[in-house]
Every structure is written in structure tokens, then in C-alpha cells.
Amino acid sequence: MDEILKLNNSDRTSIATLLESHNLPVSDLETAPVVFYGITKDEQLIAVGALEIIKPVALLRSLAVHPDHQKKGLGKQIITFLENKAKELNIQRLYLLTTTAESFFSQLNYQEISRDLCPSEIQSTGEFSTICPSSAVCFYKQTDTKVK
């Protein structure tokens, strides 16, 4: 298993390059309260994912795996890590938007949900309200079984 590390500001160029190669948004990387985690190999970022936390929920976003390293389970590894991190932070549900990975998230037990049923905290994020197209499919997953 590859080690997943919390990324910092010095990694922003590598993060943006990997996200842009997958046509994922980068316009709010400097302003959104997003925490990135990634896997590196030979000092190159090969997989990345992030949480935008708006307690008691969070937006799972910016999942990308370098093409040379796809189909090796790295995406699932990052998602599992982010889910566990969300549990540690007492996040009750993870939400995400995707235009290309519906089957991937369905296989990981994410449930499709109408965008208008998402909590206002999620709807107010830049990614949800202006960056992702309205055609993006919304998913959620319960992370805390003790939702109040």
C-alpha cells in the first residue's frame, strides 16, 4: 500500500497540473477550504484527493490518478483514506459531484442524490454552485452511523 500524505502549499503546482490533466477544476484551489492528500512516487505526485469540510458534512473532491498509474487501486485507496479521515473529523456525510466517474463511485457504495436535496452547506460551496456544471451527478455516502 502506498503512503498517503497531507499535501501543502508547496505542492499546489503539482496538484493543479494533475487536476488539469483530468479536466478537473482548479480555479478555487487558493480560496476554498480544501485539504489535499496525495501519493507520490519518485517525488512525482501520482494520485490526489481532497476534502472541503463544512461540518457536519464535507465535499469529496479533486480525485485524480496519473494515467501511468491508473487501474492499480490508487483511486480507491485515496477514497478510503478520505472516508476514514472524515470519520476522524466527525463528518457525517461525504458529498461529491462528477461528470465522468459515476460507476466508480457507485461501486464504492456512494448513492446518487438530487442536487437540490444536498445540504445548504454543500450547495453553497464554489464547486457546487458555480464551478461544476449542472450536468454533474451528485453522490453522497454516510460516514457516521450515529447521525443526529
N, C-alpha and C. Protein backbone atom coordinates (compact mmCIF):
# COMPACT_ATOMS: atom_id res chain seq x y z
N MET A 1 0.84 -1.18 0.00
CA MET A 1 0.00 0.00 0.00
C MET A 1 0.89 1.25 0.00
N ASP A 2 0.54 2.20 -0.83
CA ASP A 2 1.31 3.43 -0.91
C ASP A 2 0.93 4.37 0.23
N GLU A 3 1.90 5.13 0.71
CA GLU A 3 1.64 6.06 1.79
C GLU A 3 0.94 7.31 1.26
N ILE A 4 -0.11 7.70 1.96
CA ILE A 4 -0.85 8.90 1.60
C ILE A 4 -0.44 10.01 2.55
N LEU A 5 -0.03 11.13 1.97
CA LEU A 5 0.47 12.25 2.75
C LEU A 5 -0.42 13.47 2.59
N LYS A 6 -0.49 14.27 3.64
CA LYS A 6 -1.17 15.55 3.54
C LYS A 6 -0.27 16.46 2.71
N LEU A 7 -0.87 17.11 1.72
CA LEU A 7 -0.10 17.98 0.85
C LEU A 7 -0.19 19.41 1.38
N ASN A 8 0.77 20.24 0.99
CA ASN A 8 0.78 21.62 1.46
C ASN A 8 0.91 22.60 0.30
N ASN A 9 1.04 23.87 0.61
CA ASN A 9 1.07 24.90 -0.42
C ASN A 9 2.18 24.71 -1.44
N SER A 10 3.29 24.15 -1.02
CA SER A 10 4.38 23.93 -1.97
C SER A 10 4.03 22.87 -3.02
N ASP A 11 2.97 22.11 -2.77
CA ASP A 11 2.54 21.07 -3.70
C ASP A 11 1.47 21.58 -4.67
N ARG A 12 1.03 22.84 -4.55
CA ARG A 12 -0.11 23.35 -5.33
C ARG A 12 0.11 23.25 -6.84
N THR A 13 1.32 23.49 -7.31
CA THR A 13 1.57 23.40 -8.75
C THR A 13 1.38 21.97 -9.23
N SER A 14 1.93 21.01 -8.49
CA SER A 14 1.77 19.60 -8.86
C SER A 14 0.31 19.17 -8.80
N ILE A 15 -0.40 19.64 -7.78
CA ILE A 15 -1.83 19.33 -7.65
C ILE A 15 -2.58 19.87 -8.85
N ALA A 16 -2.36 21.15 -9.16
CA ALA A 16 -3.08 21.78 -10.27
C ALA A 16 -2.78 21.08 -11.59
N THR A 17 -1.53 20.72 -11.81
CA THR A 17 -1.15 20.04 -13.06
C THR A 17 -1.89 18.71 -13.20
N LEU A 18 -1.93 17.92 -12.13
CA LEU A 18 -2.61 16.63 -12.18
C LEU A 18 -4.11 16.81 -12.37
N LEU A 19 -4.71 17.76 -11.67
CA LEU A 19 -6.15 18.00 -11.82
C LEU A 19 -6.48 18.49 -13.22
N GLU A 20 -5.70 19.41 -13.74
CA GLU A 20 -5.95 19.95 -15.08
C GLU A 20 -5.84 18.86 -16.15
N SER A 21 -4.94 17.90 -15.94
CA SER A 21 -4.80 16.81 -16.92
C SER A 21 -6.04 15.92 -16.97
N HIS A 22 -6.90 16.03 -15.95
CA HIS A 22 -8.15 15.28 -15.89
C HIS A 22 -9.36 16.19 -16.09
N ASN A 23 -9.11 17.42 -16.53
CA ASN A 23 -10.17 18.41 -16.73
C ASN A 23 -10.97 18.67 -15.45
N LEU A 24 -10.29 18.63 -14.31
CA LEU A 24 -10.93 18.92 -13.03
C LEU A 24 -10.67 20.38 -12.67
N PRO A 25 -11.59 20.99 -11.94
CA PRO A 25 -11.45 22.42 -11.63
C PRO A 25 -10.28 22.73 -10.71
N VAL A 26 -9.64 23.87 -11.01
CA VAL A 26 -8.54 24.35 -10.18
C VAL A 26 -8.72 25.83 -9.81
N SER A 27 -9.78 26.45 -10.29
CA SER A 27 -9.93 27.89 -10.12
C SER A 27 -10.06 28.33 -8.67
N ASP A 28 -10.49 27.44 -7.79
CA ASP A 28 -10.67 27.84 -6.39
C ASP A 28 -9.66 27.19 -5.45
N LEU A 29 -8.59 26.65 -5.98
CA LEU A 29 -7.62 25.96 -5.12
C LEU A 29 -7.01 26.87 -4.07
N GLU A 30 -6.87 28.14 -4.38
CA GLU A 30 -6.25 29.07 -3.44
C GLU A 30 -7.25 29.62 -2.42
N THR A 31 -8.53 29.54 -2.73
CA THR A 31 -9.52 30.20 -1.87
C THR A 31 -10.43 29.24 -1.11
N ALA A 32 -10.72 28.09 -1.64
CA ALA A 32 -11.63 27.14 -0.97
C ALA A 32 -10.90 26.49 0.21
N PRO A 33 -11.65 26.16 1.27
CA PRO A 33 -11.04 25.49 2.43
C PRO A 33 -10.85 24.00 2.16
N VAL A 34 -9.93 23.70 1.26
CA VAL A 34 -9.72 22.34 0.79
C VAL A 34 -8.41 21.80 1.36
N VAL A 35 -8.46 20.56 1.87
CA VAL A 35 -7.26 19.88 2.36
C VAL A 35 -6.96 18.74 1.40
N PHE A 36 -5.77 18.78 0.81
CA PHE A 36 -5.37 17.77 -0.18
C PHE A 36 -4.50 16.70 0.44
N TYR A 37 -4.69 15.48 -0.07
CA TYR A 37 -3.86 14.34 0.32
C TYR A 37 -3.41 13.67 -0.98
N GLY A 38 -2.21 13.10 -0.97
CA GLY A 38 -1.74 12.50 -2.20
C GLY A 38 -0.74 11.39 -1.99
N ILE A 39 -0.46 10.74 -3.10
CA ILE A 39 0.53 9.67 -3.15
C ILE A 39 1.60 10.12 -4.15
N THR A 40 2.85 10.00 -3.74
CA THR A 40 3.95 10.35 -4.65
C THR A 40 4.78 9.11 -4.95
N LYS A 41 5.42 9.16 -6.08
CA LYS A 41 6.35 8.10 -6.47
C LYS A 41 7.51 8.80 -7.18
N ASP A 42 8.71 8.53 -6.73
CA ASP A 42 9.89 9.18 -7.28
C ASP A 42 9.72 10.69 -7.30
N GLU A 43 9.19 11.23 -6.21
CA GLU A 43 9.00 12.66 -6.00
C GLU A 43 7.99 13.29 -6.96
N GLN A 44 7.19 12.47 -7.64
CA GLN A 44 6.14 12.98 -8.53
C GLN A 44 4.79 12.63 -7.91
N LEU A 45 3.87 13.59 -7.91
CA LEU A 45 2.52 13.35 -7.43
C LEU A 45 1.79 12.47 -8.43
N ILE A 46 1.35 11.29 -7.99
CA ILE A 46 0.69 10.37 -8.92
C ILE A 46 -0.79 10.16 -8.61
N ALA A 47 -1.23 10.58 -7.42
CA ALA A 47 -2.65 10.46 -7.07
C ALA A 47 -2.98 11.53 -6.04
N VAL A 48 -4.18 12.08 -6.15
CA VAL A 48 -4.58 13.16 -5.25
C VAL A 48 -6.07 13.07 -4.98
N GLY A 49 -6.47 13.55 -3.83
CA GLY A 49 -7.88 13.68 -3.46
C GLY A 49 -7.97 14.71 -2.36
N ALA A 50 -9.17 15.26 -2.16
CA ALA A 50 -9.29 16.33 -1.19
C ALA A 50 -10.64 16.31 -0.49
N LEU A 51 -10.65 16.96 0.66
CA LEU A 51 -11.88 17.19 1.41
C LEU A 51 -12.07 18.69 1.57
N GLU A 52 -13.26 19.15 1.27
CA GLU A 52 -13.66 20.52 1.59
C GLU A 52 -14.67 20.37 2.72
N ILE A 53 -14.24 20.71 3.92
CA ILE A 53 -15.01 20.40 5.12
C ILE A 53 -15.90 21.57 5.51
N ILE A 54 -17.18 21.29 5.63
CA ILE A 54 -18.18 22.25 6.08
C ILE A 54 -19.03 21.48 7.10
N LYS A 55 -18.48 21.31 8.30
CA LYS A 55 -19.11 20.43 9.30
C LYS A 55 -20.59 20.76 9.47
N PRO A 56 -21.39 19.71 9.57
CA PRO A 56 -21.05 18.31 9.84
C PRO A 56 -20.89 17.46 8.58
N VAL A 57 -20.74 18.10 7.40
CA VAL A 57 -20.60 17.37 6.15
C VAL A 57 -19.31 17.83 5.46
N ALA A 58 -18.98 17.16 4.35
CA ALA A 58 -17.81 17.56 3.58
C ALA A 58 -18.03 17.21 2.12
N LEU A 59 -17.34 17.94 1.28
CA LEU A 59 -17.34 17.69 -0.15
C LEU A 59 -16.06 16.94 -0.48
N LEU A 60 -16.20 15.75 -1.04
CA LEU A 60 -15.06 14.98 -1.50
C LEU A 60 -14.79 15.47 -2.92
N ARG A 61 -13.57 15.88 -3.19
CA ARG A 61 -13.32 16.48 -4.49
C ARG A 61 -11.90 16.27 -4.96
N SER A 62 -11.69 16.61 -6.21
CA SER A 62 -10.35 16.65 -6.79
C SER A 62 -9.64 15.31 -6.76
N LEU A 63 -10.36 14.24 -7.06
CA LEU A 63 -9.75 12.91 -7.14
C LEU A 63 -9.17 12.72 -8.53
N ALA A 64 -7.87 12.45 -8.57
CA ALA A 64 -7.22 12.22 -9.86
C ALA A 64 -6.03 11.28 -9.66
N VAL A 65 -5.84 10.41 -10.63
CA VAL A 65 -4.70 9.49 -10.63
C VAL A 65 -3.99 9.66 -11.97
N HIS A 66 -2.68 9.83 -11.92
CA HIS A 66 -1.88 9.99 -13.13
C HIS A 66 -2.17 8.81 -14.07
N PRO A 67 -2.33 9.08 -15.37
CA PRO A 67 -2.66 8.00 -16.32
C PRO A 67 -1.72 6.79 -16.27
N ASP A 68 -0.45 7.01 -16.02
CA ASP A 68 0.51 5.91 -15.96
C ASP A 68 0.31 5.01 -14.73
N HIS A 69 -0.53 5.46 -13.79
CA HIS A 69 -0.71 4.71 -12.55
C HIS A 69 -2.17 4.32 -12.30
N GLN A 70 -2.99 4.46 -13.32
CA GLN A 70 -4.40 4.09 -13.17
C GLN A 70 -4.57 2.58 -13.22
N LYS A 71 -5.72 2.14 -12.73
CA LYS A 71 -6.08 0.71 -12.70
C LYS A 71 -5.19 -0.09 -11.74
N LYS A 72 -4.66 0.60 -10.72
CA LYS A 72 -3.83 -0.07 -9.72
C LYS A 72 -4.42 0.08 -8.32
N GLY A 73 -5.64 0.62 -8.24
CA GLY A 73 -6.30 0.76 -6.95
C GLY A 73 -5.98 2.03 -6.19
N LEU A 74 -5.23 2.95 -6.80
CA LEU A 74 -4.84 4.16 -6.08
C LEU A 74 -6.04 5.08 -5.82
N GLY A 75 -6.96 5.17 -6.76
CA GLY A 75 -8.15 5.99 -6.56
C GLY A 75 -8.96 5.48 -5.38
N LYS A 76 -9.17 4.18 -5.34
CA LYS A 76 -9.92 3.59 -4.23
C LYS A 76 -9.16 3.78 -2.92
N GLN A 77 -7.85 3.68 -2.96
CA GLN A 77 -7.03 3.87 -1.76
C GLN A 77 -7.20 5.30 -1.22
N ILE A 78 -7.17 6.28 -2.10
CA ILE A 78 -7.35 7.68 -1.67
C ILE A 78 -8.75 7.87 -1.10
N ILE A 79 -9.77 7.32 -1.77
CA ILE A 79 -11.14 7.47 -1.29
C ILE A 79 -11.29 6.85 0.11
N THR A 80 -10.77 5.66 0.31
CA THR A 80 -10.84 5.01 1.62
C THR A 80 -10.15 5.86 2.68
N PHE A 81 -9.01 6.40 2.33
CA PHE A 81 -8.29 7.28 3.25
C PHE A 81 -9.14 8.50 3.60
N LEU A 82 -9.75 9.14 2.59
CA LEU A 82 -10.56 10.34 2.84
C LEU A 82 -11.80 10.00 3.67
N GLU A 83 -12.39 8.85 3.42
CA GLU A 83 -13.55 8.43 4.23
C GLU A 83 -13.14 8.25 5.69
N ASN A 84 -11.99 7.62 5.93
CA ASN A 84 -11.51 7.43 7.29
C ASN A 84 -11.15 8.76 7.95
N LYS A 85 -10.56 9.67 7.18
CA LYS A 85 -10.24 10.99 7.70
C LYS A 85 -11.53 11.72 8.08
N ALA A 86 -12.56 11.59 7.26
CA ALA A 86 -13.86 12.22 7.56
C ALA A 86 -14.43 11.68 8.86
N LYS A 87 -14.34 10.37 9.06
CA LYS A 87 -14.82 9.77 10.31
C LYS A 87 -14.07 10.35 11.50
N GLU A 88 -12.74 10.45 11.38
CA GLU A 88 -11.93 11.02 12.47
C GLU A 88 -12.38 12.44 12.81
N LEU A 89 -12.82 13.17 11.80
CA LEU A 89 -13.22 14.57 11.98
C LEU A 89 -14.72 14.72 12.30
N ASN A 90 -15.38 13.59 12.55
CA ASN A 90 -16.82 13.57 12.86
C ASN A 90 -17.68 14.15 11.75
N ILE A 91 -17.25 13.91 10.52
CA ILE A 91 -18.06 14.28 9.36
C ILE A 91 -19.12 13.21 9.18
N GLN A 92 -20.38 13.62 9.07
CA GLN A 92 -21.47 12.66 9.00
C GLN A 92 -21.71 12.11 7.59
N ARG A 93 -21.53 12.96 6.60
CA ARG A 93 -21.75 12.54 5.21
C ARG A 93 -20.74 13.20 4.29
N LEU A 94 -20.33 12.46 3.28
CA LEU A 94 -19.50 12.98 2.21
C LEU A 94 -20.37 13.15 0.97
N TYR A 95 -20.19 14.26 0.28
CA TYR A 95 -20.89 14.52 -0.97
C TYR A 95 -19.84 14.72 -2.04
N LEU A 96 -20.22 14.50 -3.29
CA LEU A 96 -19.31 14.75 -4.40
C LEU A 96 -20.11 14.99 -5.66
N LEU A 97 -19.45 15.63 -6.61
CA LEU A 97 -20.01 15.85 -7.94
C LEU A 97 -19.07 15.23 -8.95
N THR A 98 -19.62 14.59 -9.97
CA THR A 98 -18.78 14.01 -11.01
C THR A 98 -19.48 14.06 -12.35
N THR A 99 -18.69 14.22 -13.39
CA THR A 99 -19.22 14.14 -14.75
C THR A 99 -18.69 12.91 -15.47
N THR A 100 -17.77 12.17 -14.84
CA THR A 100 -17.14 11.05 -15.55
C THR A 100 -17.02 9.76 -14.75
N ALA A 101 -17.23 9.81 -13.44
CA ALA A 101 -16.89 8.64 -12.61
C ALA A 101 -18.08 8.07 -11.85
N GLU A 102 -19.26 8.13 -12.45
CA GLU A 102 -20.45 7.64 -11.76
C GLU A 102 -20.33 6.17 -11.37
N SER A 103 -19.86 5.34 -12.27
CA SER A 103 -19.79 3.90 -11.96
C SER A 103 -18.73 3.63 -10.89
N PHE A 104 -17.62 4.37 -10.91
CA PHE A 104 -16.57 4.20 -9.90
C PHE A 104 -17.14 4.46 -8.51
N PHE A 105 -17.85 5.57 -8.34
CA PHE A 105 -18.38 5.90 -7.01
C PHE A 105 -19.54 4.99 -6.63
N SER A 106 -20.32 4.54 -7.59
CA SER A 106 -21.39 3.58 -7.28
C SER A 106 -20.81 2.28 -6.74
N GLN A 107 -19.70 1.84 -7.32
CA GLN A 107 -19.04 0.62 -6.85
C GLN A 107 -18.51 0.76 -5.43
N LEU A 108 -18.26 2.01 -5.00
CA LEU A 108 -17.76 2.26 -3.65
C LEU A 108 -18.89 2.62 -2.69
N ASN A 109 -20.11 2.25 -3.09
CA ASN A 109 -21.31 2.41 -2.27
C ASN A 109 -21.74 3.85 -2.04
N TYR A 110 -21.40 4.74 -2.96
CA TYR A 110 -21.94 6.09 -2.93
C TYR A 110 -23.32 6.05 -3.58
N GLN A 111 -24.23 6.83 -3.04
CA GLN A 111 -25.61 6.85 -3.53
C GLN A 111 -25.87 8.13 -4.30
N GLU A 112 -26.49 8.00 -5.46
CA GLU A 112 -26.83 9.19 -6.23
C GLU A 112 -27.94 9.95 -5.50
N ILE A 113 -27.85 11.27 -5.55
CA ILE A 113 -28.83 12.12 -4.89
C ILE A 113 -29.09 13.34 -5.77
N SER A 114 -30.31 13.80 -5.76
CA SER A 114 -30.64 15.02 -6.49
C SER A 114 -29.87 16.18 -5.89
N ARG A 115 -29.33 17.05 -6.74
CA ARG A 115 -28.54 18.19 -6.25
C ARG A 115 -29.33 19.06 -5.28
N ASP A 116 -30.62 19.20 -5.53
CA ASP A 116 -31.40 20.09 -4.67
C ASP A 116 -31.69 19.48 -3.30
N LEU A 117 -31.34 18.21 -3.10
CA LEU A 117 -31.50 17.58 -1.78
C LEU A 117 -30.22 17.64 -0.94
N CYS A 118 -29.16 18.18 -1.51
CA CYS A 118 -27.92 18.33 -0.75
C CYS A 118 -28.09 19.41 0.31
N PRO A 119 -27.38 19.27 1.42
CA PRO A 119 -27.48 20.29 2.46
C PRO A 119 -26.99 21.65 1.95
N SER A 120 -27.50 22.70 2.55
CA SER A 120 -27.14 24.06 2.12
C SER A 120 -25.64 24.29 2.23
N GLU A 121 -24.97 23.66 3.20
CA GLU A 121 -23.52 23.81 3.34
C GLU A 121 -22.79 23.36 2.08
N ILE A 122 -23.28 22.29 1.49
CA ILE A 122 -22.67 21.76 0.26
C ILE A 122 -23.06 22.64 -0.94
N GLN A 123 -24.34 22.99 -1.01
CA GLN A 123 -24.80 23.81 -2.13
C GLN A 123 -24.11 25.17 -2.18
N SER A 124 -23.64 25.66 -1.04
CA SER A 124 -23.02 26.98 -1.02
C SER A 124 -21.54 26.96 -1.40
N THR A 125 -20.94 25.80 -1.58
CA THR A 125 -19.53 25.75 -1.99
C THR A 125 -19.39 26.25 -3.41
N GLY A 126 -18.24 26.80 -3.71
CA GLY A 126 -17.97 27.27 -5.07
C GLY A 126 -18.04 26.14 -6.08
N GLU A 127 -17.51 24.99 -5.71
CA GLU A 127 -17.53 23.86 -6.63
C GLU A 127 -18.96 23.49 -6.99
N PHE A 128 -19.83 23.47 -6.00
CA PHE A 128 -21.22 23.06 -6.22
C PHE A 128 -21.99 24.16 -6.95
N SER A 129 -21.83 25.41 -6.51
CA SER A 129 -22.69 26.47 -7.01
C SER A 129 -22.26 27.06 -8.34
N THR A 130 -20.96 27.11 -8.64
CA THR A 130 -20.55 27.77 -9.88
C THR A 130 -19.53 27.01 -10.72
N ILE A 131 -18.69 26.18 -10.10
CA ILE A 131 -17.58 25.58 -10.85
C ILE A 131 -18.00 24.33 -11.63
N CYS A 132 -18.66 23.39 -10.97
CA CYS A 132 -19.08 22.16 -11.65
C CYS A 132 -20.34 22.44 -12.48
N PRO A 133 -20.43 21.84 -13.64
CA PRO A 133 -21.63 22.07 -14.45
C PRO A 133 -22.87 21.46 -13.81
N SER A 134 -24.01 22.00 -14.16
CA SER A 134 -25.27 21.49 -13.60
C SER A 134 -25.53 20.05 -14.04
N SER A 135 -24.84 19.61 -15.08
CA SER A 135 -24.99 18.23 -15.54
C SER A 135 -24.23 17.23 -14.66
N ALA A 136 -23.38 17.70 -13.76
CA ALA A 136 -22.62 16.80 -12.89
C ALA A 136 -23.57 16.02 -11.99
N VAL A 137 -23.26 14.75 -11.82
CA VAL A 137 -24.07 13.88 -10.98
C VAL A 137 -23.58 14.02 -9.54
N CYS A 138 -24.53 14.10 -8.62
CA CYS A 138 -24.21 14.25 -7.21
C CYS A 138 -24.37 12.90 -6.49
N PHE A 139 -23.42 12.61 -5.62
CA PHE A 139 -23.44 11.39 -4.82
C PHE A 139 -23.18 11.75 -3.37
N TYR A 140 -23.59 10.85 -2.48
CA TYR A 140 -23.26 11.01 -1.06
C TYR A 140 -23.00 9.64 -0.46
N LYS A 141 -22.32 9.66 0.69
CA LYS A 141 -22.11 8.44 1.45
C LYS A 141 -22.11 8.81 2.93
N GLN A 142 -22.84 8.01 3.68
CA GLN A 142 -22.89 8.17 5.12
C GLN A 142 -21.56 7.73 5.70
N THR A 143 -20.95 8.54 6.56
CA THR A 143 -19.69 8.16 7.18
C THR A 143 -19.86 7.91 8.66
N ASP A 144 -20.91 8.47 9.24
CA ASP A 144 -21.17 8.35 10.67
C ASP A 144 -22.51 7.68 10.86
N THR A 145 -22.52 6.52 11.48
CA THR A 145 -23.77 5.78 11.66
C THR A 145 -24.64 6.38 12.74
N LYS A 146 -24.10 7.35 13.48
CA LYS A 146 -24.85 7.96 14.58
C LYS A 146 -25.33 9.36 14.21
N VAL A 147 -25.85 9.52 13.02
CA VAL A 147 -26.33 10.83 12.58
C VAL A 147 -27.49 11.25 13.46
N LYS A 148 -27.43 12.47 13.88
CA LYS A 148 -28.47 13.01 14.77
C LYS A 148 -29.54 13.69 13.96
